[in-house]
Amino acid sequence: MRTFDFAPLHRATVGFDQIADMLDRVMTNEVSQPSYPPYNIEKTADDAYRISIAVAGFAEADLAVEVKENSLVVSARKAEEDGERSYLHRGIATRAFERRFQLADHIHVTGASHIDGMLHIDLKREVPEALKPRRIEIANGDAKAIEGKAVN
């Protein structure tokens, strides 16, 4: 696979560090992406999303959901079992995991629920009023005279 050098991007831009870091993470092929546990990301409304993670075998007390610096971290650690069990086949994985999701700016976690072996995390984009587009009224030239000098 090709490797790209993003050093010129770092030298020529100011304030785009997050984009360059994200490209570095995506283009790095040395780190294998974990496939456990499986998850879905769905868009539930114009500015709302839901991450659903299959966490069969985990209780609510075994799960942790945290937001750290635009990163959503979901982790699980199974409590020690009281007695020794003898399995003939063990197909339900209850190994510890940590799954990270990068959140875009203005994405906030609004809630989490654990239903039927699925952990649902609801997200919402909340853009501040100052960043929302606003309409500027154009004044009629007859209504108000513009003061200034004529330029030749």
Protein backbone atom coordinates (compact mmCIF):
# COMPACT_ATOMS: atom_id res chain seq x y z
CA MET A 1 0.00 0.00 0.00
CA ARG A 2 1.17 3.53 -0.63
CA THR A 3 2.32 5.79 2.14
CA PHE A 4 1.84 9.51 2.04
CA ASP A 5 3.96 12.19 3.63
CA PHE A 6 1.75 14.87 5.20
CA ALA A 7 4.68 17.06 6.31
CA PRO A 8 4.00 19.72 3.62
CA LEU A 9 0.40 19.89 4.82
CA HIS A 10 1.57 20.60 8.37
CA ARG A 11 3.94 23.35 7.18
CA ALA A 12 1.42 25.13 4.93
CA THR A 13 -1.66 25.18 7.12
CA VAL A 14 -2.63 26.69 10.43
CA GLY A 15 -5.50 25.35 12.51
CA PHE A 16 -6.07 22.20 10.46
CA ASP A 17 -4.16 19.91 12.81
CA GLN A 18 -7.20 17.71 13.46
CA ILE A 19 -7.66 16.99 9.76
CA ALA A 20 -4.00 16.10 9.31
CA ASP A 21 -4.04 13.89 12.40
CA MET A 22 -7.20 12.15 11.16
CA LEU A 23 -5.59 11.51 7.76
CA ASP A 24 -2.51 10.11 9.50
CA ARG A 25 -4.68 7.72 11.53
CA VAL A 26 -6.69 6.58 8.53
CA MET A 27 -3.67 6.08 6.30
CA THR A 28 -1.67 4.15 8.90
CA ASN A 29 -1.86 0.52 7.86
CA GLU A 30 0.28 -0.88 10.69
CA VAL A 31 -2.54 -0.75 13.20
CA SER A 32 -5.19 -3.37 12.57
CA GLN A 33 -8.74 -2.31 13.23
CA PRO A 34 -10.51 -4.42 15.84
CA SER A 35 -13.60 -6.28 14.71
CA TYR A 36 -14.94 -7.08 18.19
CA PRO A 37 -17.57 -6.17 19.17
CA PRO A 38 -19.61 -5.57 16.02
CA TYR A 39 -21.41 -2.22 15.79
CA ASN A 40 -23.73 -0.13 13.60
CA ILE A 41 -23.79 3.62 13.09
CA GLU A 42 -27.12 4.98 11.89
CA LYS A 43 -28.52 8.40 11.15
CA THR A 44 -31.80 8.80 13.01
CA ALA A 45 -32.59 12.42 12.06
CA ASP A 46 -30.96 15.35 10.26
CA ASP A 47 -28.69 16.10 13.23
CA ALA A 48 -29.00 12.88 15.25
CA TYR A 49 -27.07 9.62 15.16
CA ARG A 50 -27.06 6.30 17.02
CA ILE A 51 -24.22 3.88 17.60
CA SER A 52 -25.42 0.35 18.41
CA ILE A 53 -22.87 -2.11 19.78
CA ALA A 54 -23.53 -5.83 20.27
CA VAL A 55 -22.56 -6.52 23.89
CA ALA A 56 -24.13 -9.93 24.53
CA GLY A 57 -23.11 -11.37 27.87
CA PHE A 58 -22.29 -8.01 29.48
CA ALA A 59 -24.39 -6.40 32.21
CA GLU A 60 -24.82 -2.64 32.52
CA ALA A 61 -22.33 -2.61 35.40
CA ASP A 62 -19.68 -4.17 33.12
CA LEU A 63 -19.94 -1.38 30.51
CA ALA A 64 -18.43 2.12 30.52
CA VAL A 65 -19.13 4.98 28.10
CA GLU A 66 -16.90 8.08 28.29
CA VAL A 67 -16.30 11.17 26.18
CA LYS A 68 -12.71 12.44 26.14
CA GLU A 69 -11.56 15.27 23.86
CA ASN A 70 -13.85 14.65 20.85
CA SER A 71 -13.46 10.91 21.28
CA LEU A 72 -16.14 8.48 22.45
CA VAL A 73 -14.65 5.53 24.35
CA VAL A 74 -16.78 2.44 25.01
CA SER A 75 -15.19 -0.24 27.15
CA ALA A 76 -16.29 -3.41 28.91
CA ARG A 77 -14.77 -5.69 31.47
CA LYS A 78 -16.60 -8.79 32.61
CA ALA A 79 -16.77 -9.31 36.34
CA GLU A 80 -15.20 -12.52 37.60
CA GLU A 81 -17.63 -15.43 37.66
CA ASP A 82 -18.47 -16.79 41.10
CA GLY A 83 -18.20 -20.50 40.30
CA GLU A 84 -16.28 -22.57 37.83
CA ARG A 85 -18.34 -23.51 34.81
CA SER A 86 -17.61 -26.29 32.41
CA TYR A 87 -18.40 -25.26 28.82
CA LEU A 88 -18.83 -27.79 26.05
CA HIS A 89 -18.85 -24.92 23.53
CA ARG A 90 -18.27 -21.26 24.30
CA GLY A 91 -19.41 -19.11 21.36
CA ILE A 92 -20.43 -15.97 23.22
CA ALA A 93 -17.34 -13.85 23.65
CA THR A 94 -17.21 -11.91 26.89
CA ARG A 95 -13.63 -10.73 26.60
CA ALA A 96 -12.76 -7.20 27.63
CA PHE A 97 -12.74 -4.57 24.89
CA GLU A 98 -12.26 -0.89 24.26
CA ARG A 99 -13.75 0.73 21.17
CA ARG A 100 -13.01 4.36 20.21
CA PHE A 101 -15.02 6.63 17.92
CA GLN A 102 -13.79 10.05 16.78
CA LEU A 103 -16.55 12.65 17.16
CA ALA A 104 -16.82 15.63 14.86
CA ASP A 105 -17.04 19.13 16.28
CA HIS A 106 -20.36 19.95 17.97
CA ILE A 107 -21.39 16.27 18.32
CA HIS A 108 -22.60 15.52 21.85
CA VAL A 109 -23.67 12.28 23.50
CA THR A 110 -27.28 12.64 24.63
CA GLY A 111 -27.78 9.24 26.22
CA ALA A 112 -27.05 5.53 26.32
CA SER A 113 -29.24 2.48 26.88
CA HIS A 114 -28.64 -1.26 27.22
CA ILE A 115 -31.51 -3.28 25.74
CA ASP A 116 -31.57 -6.94 24.65
CA GLY A 117 -27.78 -7.31 24.50
CA MET A 118 -27.32 -4.10 22.51
CA LEU A 119 -25.72 -0.91 23.81
CA HIS A 120 -27.30 2.11 22.08
CA ILE A 121 -25.51 5.47 22.28
CA ASP A 122 -27.44 8.47 21.00
CA LEU A 123 -25.57 11.45 19.56
CA LYS A 124 -26.74 14.86 18.43
CA ARG A 125 -25.10 17.66 16.48
CA GLU A 126 -25.62 20.94 18.33
CA VAL A 127 -24.19 23.80 16.33
CA PRO A 128 -23.87 27.03 18.37
CA GLU A 129 -26.02 29.95 17.24
CA ALA A 130 -22.93 31.99 16.37
CA LEU A 131 -21.90 29.39 13.78
CA LYS A 132 -25.30 28.88 12.18
CA PRO A 133 -25.94 30.63 8.88
CA ARG A 134 -27.96 33.81 9.25
CA ARG A 135 -29.73 35.95 6.73
CA ILE A 136 -28.58 39.53 6.31
CA GLU A 137 -31.25 41.96 5.24
CA ILE A 138 -30.32 44.19 2.32
CA ALA A 139 -31.36 47.80 2.83
CA ASN A 140 -33.16 49.64 0.06
CA GLY A 141 -30.99 52.42 -1.44
CA ASP A 142 -33.87 54.93 -1.10
CA ALA A 143 -34.50 54.21 2.55
CA LYS A 144 -31.11 55.29 3.85
CA ALA A 145 -28.41 57.36 2.22
CA ILE A 146 -24.92 55.97 2.38
CA GLU A 147 -22.40 58.53 3.55
CA GLY A 148 -19.02 58.64 1.91
CA LYS A 149 -16.96 60.44 -0.64
CA ALA A 150 -17.01 59.74 -4.34
CA VAL A 151 -13.97 57.96 -5.68
CA ASN A 152 -12.66 59.11 -9.06
